[in-house]
């Protein structure tokens, strides 16, 4: 499918970092109840046809931005093997020029993920980082960066050159990008705790890198794992972590992120929606070329938006496409309320298909669905400092208008 709806009037984006081939076995509804009981040595489980798609933030966020009409360039690395060929084919099917900056290294294997995703159950991912481990700051085309409005980088916890040596590669990449005057954006991933990436000093890495990051968009699980490991482990013992997230916790975490230099903290909350907190006017004006067109409207905001009601077919790429929705709205000059709603809308469309992109719609179609009265999921915040706008369904901290 070739969907090219870019406009020369819209700012351009570079999406860089991790890419892989996602292999998703078909999971029929008849497997949902008994799948995990039978998932054990010696058992053969019959599944449906596999879906193959490019995965990781370069594909999921980058191609989603492209489908939403934002001029987008992708920078990443594959091997010269069959999986790398498939990734290029899938990317080029979205737009013939989109693979122009994909590097092919004959000395590495292409990254892949085997995604086990039964209906109504969160996925389990078997992942090989492959070529992503060798991607480094020198692989970025900084001339291209200097001609773009925003660079979004994703998944440093599964990219060795980004986290080794106390994250020097990640810091170098963002420092060099920021010198061009671009706006910078960063997404994380949840690493296997037993790996080098899972055991890296993420507190130290983020302290070094975030002064050069304007927009930080982790999930709550990733953020707690990296900044407050003991809190994360304690909460994980008490059941659903998402259900334990409070406005006070998000406020404290965003305080910490602002102290490290972040200007827009966007925290993904899965089924509970999305949290946005923005810095003050003076800080936002230093964001670079993708600075909000109306800084006053964006300054000192704290918003929690619920997601939209959908039938979930799979959660692969939900966070990545949510980011694409947010960045697409920001680059279109939308305000914070429109941006968070667009973010969860794109994420909701994503989970209606088993892969990351098949469920997505154009920007116009997504907005039409929202305006047609798409139902939000229920969200109740028991905090006296927060109030709900009954029309938009958004929750605001009381200092917001």
Protein backbone atom coordinates (compact mmCIF):
# COMPACT_ATOMS: atom_id res chain seq x y z
CA UNK A 1 0.00 0.00 0.00
CA UNK A 2 1.45 3.35 -0.99
CA UNK A 3 -0.05 6.09 1.15
CA UNK A 4 1.68 9.41 0.51
CA UNK A 5 -0.16 12.41 1.89
CA UNK A 6 2.72 14.68 2.79
CA UNK A 7 2.50 18.41 2.36
CA UNK A 8 5.31 20.86 1.74
CA UNK A 9 3.68 23.20 4.24
CA UNK A 10 4.18 20.76 7.13
CA UNK A 11 7.46 20.51 9.05
CA UNK A 12 9.56 17.43 8.33
CA UNK A 13 10.67 14.76 10.78
CA UNK A 14 13.61 12.38 11.05
CA UNK A 15 12.80 9.16 12.90
CA UNK A 16 15.93 7.23 13.87
CA UNK A 17 17.02 4.27 15.96
CA UNK A 18 15.69 0.76 16.28
CA UNK A 19 14.06 -1.25 13.48
CA UNK A 20 13.24 -4.95 13.27
CA UNK A 21 11.06 -7.44 11.46
CA UNK A 22 7.96 -8.35 13.47
CA UNK A 23 6.65 -11.87 12.95
CA UNK A 24 3.20 -12.25 14.50
CA UNK A 25 1.54 -15.70 14.42
CA UNK A 26 -2.23 -15.51 13.95
CA UNK A 27 -4.06 -16.18 17.23
CA UNK A 28 -7.72 -17.13 16.78
CA UNK A 29 -10.28 -16.62 19.51
CA UNK A 30 -10.38 -20.36 20.14
CA UNK A 31 -6.87 -20.10 21.58
CA UNK A 32 -7.48 -17.22 23.96
CA UNK A 33 -8.62 -19.23 26.97
CA UNK A 34 -6.33 -22.25 26.75
CA UNK A 35 -3.24 -20.86 25.06
CA UNK A 36 -1.04 -20.25 28.08
CA UNK A 37 -2.15 -23.45 29.81
CA UNK A 38 -0.91 -25.44 26.82
CA UNK A 39 2.17 -23.32 26.19
CA UNK A 40 4.66 -25.85 27.54
CA UNK A 41 7.32 -28.29 26.31
CA UNK A 42 6.07 -31.08 24.07
CA UNK A 43 2.85 -29.36 22.98
CA UNK A 44 2.05 -28.37 19.42
CA UNK A 45 -0.28 -25.40 19.17
CA UNK A 46 -1.86 -24.73 15.81
CA UNK A 47 -2.01 -21.04 14.91
CA UNK A 48 -3.11 -18.98 11.94
CA UNK A 49 -1.14 -17.34 9.17
CA UNK A 50 1.65 -15.07 10.36
CA UNK A 51 1.64 -11.33 9.83
CA UNK A 52 5.04 -9.88 8.95
CA UNK A 53 5.67 -6.19 9.35
CA UNK A 54 8.53 -3.83 10.01
CA UNK A 55 8.66 -3.06 13.73
CA UNK A 56 10.37 -0.83 16.24
CA UNK A 57 10.01 2.96 16.45
CA UNK A 58 11.61 3.74 13.09
CA UNK A 59 8.89 1.74 11.40
CA UNK A 60 6.00 2.09 13.84
CA UNK A 61 6.39 5.78 14.67
CA UNK A 62 8.03 6.80 11.39
CA UNK A 63 5.59 5.11 9.02
CA UNK A 64 2.66 6.18 11.19
CA UNK A 65 3.81 9.80 10.86
CA UNK A 66 4.06 9.27 7.11
CA UNK A 67 0.52 7.90 6.95
CA UNK A 68 -0.67 10.84 9.02
CA UNK A 69 0.72 13.18 6.39
CA UNK A 70 3.99 14.34 7.95
CA UNK A 71 7.06 14.44 5.65
CA UNK A 72 9.25 11.77 7.24
CA UNK A 73 12.72 10.28 6.74
CA UNK A 74 13.92 7.09 8.44
CA UNK A 75 17.46 6.41 9.68
CA UNK A 76 18.26 2.91 10.94
CA UNK A 77 20.38 -0.16 10.24
CA UNK A 78 19.71 -3.70 8.97
CA UNK A 79 21.86 -6.56 7.76
CA UNK A 80 22.12 -7.69 4.14
CA UNK A 81 20.18 -10.86 4.93
CA UNK A 82 16.67 -11.99 3.96
CA UNK A 83 15.04 -10.23 6.93
CA UNK A 84 16.71 -6.97 5.91
CA UNK A 85 15.37 -7.37 2.37
CA UNK A 86 11.86 -7.92 3.70
CA UNK A 87 12.08 -4.78 5.88
CA UNK A 88 13.15 -2.68 2.90
CA UNK A 89 10.33 -4.09 0.81
CA UNK A 90 7.78 -3.30 3.52
CA UNK A 91 9.10 0.23 4.02
CA UNK A 92 9.24 0.97 0.28
CA UNK A 93 5.63 -0.21 -0.08
CA UNK A 94 4.66 2.78 2.06
CA UNK A 95 6.72 5.19 -0.04
CA UNK A 96 9.58 4.52 -2.50
CA UNK A 97 11.88 7.13 -0.94
CA UNK A 98 11.41 6.04 2.66
CA UNK A 99 14.26 3.51 2.58
CA UNK A 100 16.82 6.03 1.30
CA UNK A 101 18.59 6.42 4.66
CA UNK A 102 18.31 2.80 5.85
CA UNK A 103 21.87 1.53 6.26
CA UNK A 104 22.75 -2.04 5.25
CA UNK A 105 25.69 -3.60 7.09
CA UNK A 106 26.99 -6.93 5.72
CA UNK A 107 28.66 -7.75 9.03
CA UNK A 108 25.50 -7.88 11.16
CA UNK A 109 22.18 -9.71 11.15
CA UNK A 110 18.84 -7.95 10.88
CA UNK A 111 16.88 -7.59 14.09
CA UNK A 112 13.62 -9.50 14.45
CA UNK A 113 10.85 -10.07 16.99
CA UNK A 114 8.56 -13.07 17.37
CA UNK A 115 5.42 -11.63 18.93
CA UNK A 116 3.04 -13.94 20.79
CA UNK A 117 -0.18 -11.94 21.06
CA UNK A 118 -3.36 -13.90 21.90
CA UNK A 119 -6.66 -12.01 21.87
CA UNK A 120 -7.35 -9.92 24.99
CA UNK A 121 -3.91 -10.69 26.47
CA UNK A 122 -0.89 -8.41 26.39
CA UNK A 123 1.84 -9.64 24.10
CA UNK A 124 5.09 -11.46 24.85
CA UNK A 125 8.01 -10.58 22.59
CA UNK A 126 11.01 -12.78 21.74
CA UNK A 127 13.50 -10.25 20.40
CA UNK A 128 16.91 -10.31 18.73
CA UNK A 129 18.43 -6.78 18.61
CA UNK A 130 20.77 -7.71 15.73
CA UNK A 131 21.99 -4.71 13.73
CA UNK A 132 20.55 -2.28 16.25
CA UNK A 133 23.38 -3.07 18.64
CA UNK A 134 25.91 -1.60 16.19
CA UNK A 135 23.96 1.58 15.37
CA UNK A 136 25.87 4.62 16.66
CA UNK A 137 25.80 8.41 16.63
CA UNK A 138 27.90 8.55 13.46
CA UNK A 139 25.16 6.71 11.56
CA UNK A 140 22.93 9.80 11.76
CA UNK A 141 22.96 12.12 8.73
CA UNK A 142 23.27 15.47 10.53
CA UNK A 143 22.89 17.42 7.27
CA UNK A 144 19.42 15.87 6.95
CA UNK A 145 18.79 16.69 10.61
CA UNK A 146 19.74 20.33 10.01
CA UNK A 147 17.04 20.53 7.31
CA UNK A 148 14.29 19.03 9.49
CA UNK A 149 12.08 20.35 12.27
CA UNK A 150 12.23 17.40 14.67
CA UNK A 151 14.25 14.25 15.26
CA UNK A 152 12.66 11.37 17.13
CA UNK A 153 14.88 8.55 18.39
CA UNK A 154 13.63 5.31 19.84
CA UNK A 155 14.62 2.29 21.93
CA UNK A 156 18.16 2.97 23.23
CA UNK A 157 17.80 0.21 25.89
CA UNK A 158 18.08 -2.40 23.10
CA UNK A 159 20.87 -0.62 21.21
CA UNK A 160 24.27 -1.36 22.75
CA UNK A 161 26.14 1.64 21.32
CA UNK A 162 23.52 3.90 22.89
CA UNK A 163 23.79 2.64 26.47
CA UNK A 164 27.37 1.38 26.82
CA UNK A 165 30.07 3.66 28.28
CA UNK A 166 27.46 5.37 30.47
CA UNK A 167 25.31 6.25 27.47
CA UNK A 168 27.98 8.30 25.72
CA UNK A 169 26.64 7.35 22.28
CA UNK A 170 23.13 8.53 23.12
CA UNK A 171 24.43 11.76 24.62
CA UNK A 172 26.68 12.38 21.60
CA UNK A 173 23.78 11.85 19.19
CA UNK A 174 21.48 14.28 20.96
CA UNK A 175 24.18 16.89 21.57
CA UNK A 176 25.13 16.90 17.87
CA UNK A 177 21.49 17.00 16.77
CA UNK A 178 20.62 19.83 19.15
CA UNK A 179 23.44 21.97 17.77
CA UNK A 180 21.53 22.16 14.47
CA UNK A 181 18.59 23.92 16.16
CA UNK A 182 16.24 20.95 15.75
CA UNK A 183 13.62 19.87 18.28
CA UNK A 184 14.53 16.54 19.87
CA UNK A 185 12.26 13.70 20.97
CA UNK A 186 13.06 10.41 22.75
CA UNK A 187 11.16 7.18 23.28
CA UNK A 188 12.34 4.28 25.42
CA UNK A 189 11.68 0.54 25.54
CA UNK A 190 11.42 -1.92 28.39
CA UNK A 191 14.57 -4.07 28.27
CA UNK A 192 15.04 -7.61 29.46
CA UNK A 193 16.29 -6.98 33.04
CA UNK A 194 18.87 -9.77 32.68
CA UNK A 195 20.59 -8.16 29.68
CA UNK A 196 23.28 -5.47 29.52
CA UNK A 197 20.63 -2.96 28.53
CA UNK A 198 18.47 -3.91 31.48
CA UNK A 199 21.37 -3.59 33.90
CA UNK A 200 22.76 -0.32 32.55
CA UNK A 201 22.85 2.75 34.79
CA UNK A 202 19.76 4.39 33.36
CA UNK A 203 19.59 7.03 36.07
CA UNK A 204 23.05 8.20 35.06
CA UNK A 205 22.36 7.85 31.32
CA UNK A 206 19.17 9.89 31.48
CA UNK A 207 20.79 12.56 33.63
CA UNK A 208 23.43 12.95 30.91
CA UNK A 209 21.11 12.74 27.87
CA UNK A 210 17.89 14.50 28.88
CA UNK A 211 19.38 18.02 28.96
CA UNK A 212 19.44 17.67 25.16
CA UNK A 213 15.94 16.14 24.87
CA UNK A 214 12.95 18.45 24.43
CA UNK A 215 10.15 15.86 24.34
CA UNK A 216 10.41 12.67 26.40
CA UNK A 217 7.75 10.01 25.78
CA UNK A 218 8.33 6.87 27.88
CA UNK A 219 5.72 4.47 29.19
CA UNK A 220 5.13 4.54 32.93
CA UNK A 221 6.67 1.08 33.22
CA UNK A 222 9.83 2.17 31.41
CA UNK A 223 10.11 5.37 33.41
CA UNK A 224 9.77 3.67 36.78
CA UNK A 225 12.12 0.84 35.76
CA UNK A 226 14.82 3.33 34.80
CA UNK A 227 14.46 6.12 37.35
CA UNK A 228 12.89 4.38 40.36
CA UNK A 229 13.73 0.71 40.17
CA UNK A 230 12.86 -0.08 43.78
CA UNK A 231 9.44 1.59 43.43
CA UNK A 232 8.85 -0.31 40.21
CA UNK A 233 9.66 -3.66 41.83
CA UNK A 234 7.47 -2.93 44.86
CA UNK A 235 4.52 -1.88 42.71
CA UNK A 236 4.91 -4.94 40.46
CA UNK A 237 4.40 -7.15 43.51
CA UNK A 238 1.05 -5.49 44.23
CA UNK A 239 -0.73 -6.41 41.01
CA UNK A 240 -1.40 -4.23 37.98
CA UNK A 241 1.12 -1.42 37.93
CA UNK A 242 -1.12 0.75 35.75
CA UNK A 243 -3.92 0.59 38.30
CA UNK A 244 -1.56 1.96 40.96
CA UNK A 245 -0.55 5.07 39.01
CA UNK A 246 -1.81 8.28 40.61
CA UNK A 247 -1.70 11.94 39.58
CA UNK A 248 0.70 12.58 42.45
CA UNK A 249 3.13 9.93 41.16
CA UNK A 250 3.03 11.39 37.65
CA UNK A 251 3.51 14.89 39.03
CA UNK A 252 6.58 13.80 40.99
CA UNK A 253 8.06 12.00 38.00
CA UNK A 254 7.50 14.96 35.69
CA UNK A 255 9.12 17.25 38.28
CA UNK A 256 12.16 15.00 38.09
CA UNK A 257 12.16 15.07 34.29
CA UNK A 258 11.88 18.86 34.17
CA UNK A 259 14.83 19.12 36.54
CA UNK A 260 16.82 17.07 34.02
CA UNK A 261 15.95 19.43 31.16
CA UNK A 262 12.85 17.95 29.52
CA UNK A 263 10.32 20.50 28.22
CA UNK A 264 7.39 18.22 27.36
CA UNK A 265 6.91 15.07 29.48
CA UNK A 266 4.49 12.67 27.77
CA UNK A 267 3.94 9.46 29.74
CA UNK A 268 2.10 6.55 28.13
CA UNK A 269 -0.32 4.80 30.48
CA UNK A 270 -1.67 1.91 28.39
CA UNK A 271 -5.36 1.31 28.95
CA UNK A 272 -5.47 4.36 31.27
CA UNK A 273 -4.56 6.82 28.53
CA UNK A 274 -1.86 9.47 28.33
CA UNK A 275 -0.38 12.09 30.66
CA UNK A 276 1.12 15.37 29.45
CA UNK A 277 2.97 17.97 31.44
CA UNK A 278 4.60 20.98 29.81
CA UNK A 279 7.23 23.39 31.07
CA UNK A 280 6.82 27.15 31.27
CA UNK A 281 6.82 29.60 28.38
CA UNK A 282 10.51 30.51 28.59
CA UNK A 283 11.56 26.87 28.47
CA UNK A 284 9.23 25.97 25.60
CA UNK A 285 10.57 28.84 23.50
CA UNK A 286 13.97 27.09 23.56
CA UNK A 287 12.59 23.88 22.01
CA UNK A 288 13.95 24.46 18.51
CA UNK A 289 12.30 24.41 15.10
CA UNK A 290 9.25 22.38 16.20
CA UNK A 291 8.45 24.74 19.07
CA UNK A 292 4.64 24.96 19.53
CA UNK A 293 3.14 27.64 17.34
CA UNK A 294 1.20 28.99 20.35
CA UNK A 295 3.61 28.79 23.27
CA UNK A 296 1.19 30.48 25.64
CA UNK A 297 -1.42 27.79 25.04
CA UNK A 298 1.12 25.04 25.76
CA UNK A 299 2.91 26.46 28.79
CA UNK A 300 2.43 24.99 32.29
CA UNK A 301 -0.16 22.40 31.26
CA UNK A 302 -0.91 19.17 33.09
CA UNK A 303 -3.46 16.95 31.35
CA UNK A 304 -4.51 13.31 31.64
CA UNK A 305 -6.61 12.00 28.78
CA UNK A 306 -8.38 8.61 28.74
CA UNK A 307 -8.10 6.33 25.74
CA UNK A 308 -10.87 5.47 23.30
CA UNK A 309 -13.07 2.38 23.40
CA UNK A 310 -12.13 -0.22 20.77
CA UNK A 311 -12.05 -3.97 20.20
CA UNK A 312 -8.42 -4.92 20.78
CA UNK A 313 -6.88 -7.24 18.19
CA UNK A 314 -3.25 -6.71 19.27
CA UNK A 315 -1.10 -4.20 21.15
CA UNK A 316 2.03 -4.29 18.98
CA UNK A 317 3.20 -0.75 18.30
CA UNK A 318 0.49 0.91 20.39
CA UNK A 319 2.91 3.18 22.22
CA UNK A 320 4.90 4.01 19.09
CA UNK A 321 1.83 5.04 17.11
CA UNK A 322 0.49 7.02 20.06
CA UNK A 323 3.70 9.03 19.85
CA UNK A 324 3.14 9.52 16.12
CA UNK A 325 -0.31 10.92 16.82
CA UNK A 326 1.07 13.35 19.38
CA UNK A 327 3.97 14.55 17.23
CA UNK A 328 1.74 14.86 14.17
CA UNK A 329 -0.63 17.17 16.07
CA UNK A 330 2.24 19.23 17.49
CA UNK A 331 3.76 19.68 14.04
CA UNK A 332 0.39 20.76 12.69
CA UNK A 333 0.29 23.60 15.21
CA UNK A 334 -2.41 22.04 17.37
CA UNK A 335 -2.81 22.84 21.06
CA UNK A 336 -2.02 20.47 23.94
CA UNK A 337 -5.60 19.20 24.29
CA UNK A 338 -5.91 18.35 20.61
CA UNK A 339 -2.46 16.75 20.66
CA UNK A 340 -3.11 14.35 23.53
CA UNK A 341 -6.50 13.37 22.10
CA UNK A 342 -4.96 12.76 18.67
CA UNK A 343 -2.27 10.66 20.35
CA UNK A 344 -4.66 8.27 22.07
CA UNK A 345 -6.88 8.17 18.98
CA UNK A 346 -4.04 6.99 16.75
CA UNK A 347 -3.00 4.49 19.43
CA UNK A 348 -6.58 3.20 19.63
CA UNK A 349 -6.74 2.71 15.86
CA UNK A 350 -3.48 0.79 16.11
CA UNK A 351 -4.78 -1.86 18.52
CA UNK A 352 -7.70 -2.68 16.22
CA UNK A 353 -5.24 -4.70 14.08
CA UNK A 354 -2.67 -7.32 15.15
CA UNK A 355 0.28 -5.45 13.62
CA UNK A 356 1.43 -1.89 14.17
CA UNK A 357 0.14 -0.16 11.03
CA UNK A 358 -2.84 -1.92 9.45
CA UNK A 359 -5.37 -0.27 11.76
CA UNK A 360 -4.15 3.28 11.19
CA UNK A 361 -6.16 5.88 9.30
CA UNK A 362 -5.23 9.17 7.71
CA UNK A 363 -5.08 12.29 9.85
CA UNK A 364 -8.37 13.50 8.42
CA UNK A 365 -10.13 10.18 8.98
CA UNK A 366 -8.83 9.98 12.54
CA UNK A 367 -10.08 13.47 13.39
CA UNK A 368 -13.46 12.72 11.79
CA UNK A 369 -13.79 9.64 14.00
CA UNK A 370 -13.10 11.72 17.10
CA UNK A 371 -15.54 14.44 16.07
CA UNK A 372 -18.24 11.85 15.35
CA UNK A 373 -18.46 11.13 19.08
CA UNK A 374 -16.00 8.27 19.57
CA UNK A 375 -16.49 7.03 23.13
CA UNK A 376 -13.72 7.41 25.66
CA UNK A 377 -12.85 4.71 28.15
CA UNK A 378 -13.87 5.59 31.72
CA UNK A 379 -11.24 7.34 33.83
CA UNK A 380 -11.73 8.43 37.43
CA UNK A 381 -9.04 10.34 39.32
CA UNK A 382 -9.47 10.58 43.08
CA UNK A 383 -7.41 13.70 43.61
CA UNK A 384 -8.83 17.05 44.77
CA UNK A 385 -6.30 18.97 42.68
CA UNK A 386 -7.67 17.50 39.45
CA UNK A 387 -10.92 18.26 37.67
CA UNK A 388 -12.67 16.73 34.67
CA UNK A 389 -13.98 18.62 31.67
CA UNK A 390 -17.23 16.79 30.99
CA UNK A 391 -17.32 17.80 27.34
CA UNK A 392 -13.80 16.80 26.31
CA UNK A 393 -13.45 14.06 29.00
CA UNK A 394 -9.95 15.40 29.73
CA UNK A 395 -8.69 15.75 33.28
CA UNK A 396 -6.74 18.87 34.27
CA UNK A 397 -4.72 19.77 37.29
CA UNK A 398 -6.50 22.69 38.98
CA UNK A 399 -3.90 25.34 38.01
CA UNK A 400 -4.91 24.82 34.34
CA UNK A 401 -7.72 26.97 32.85
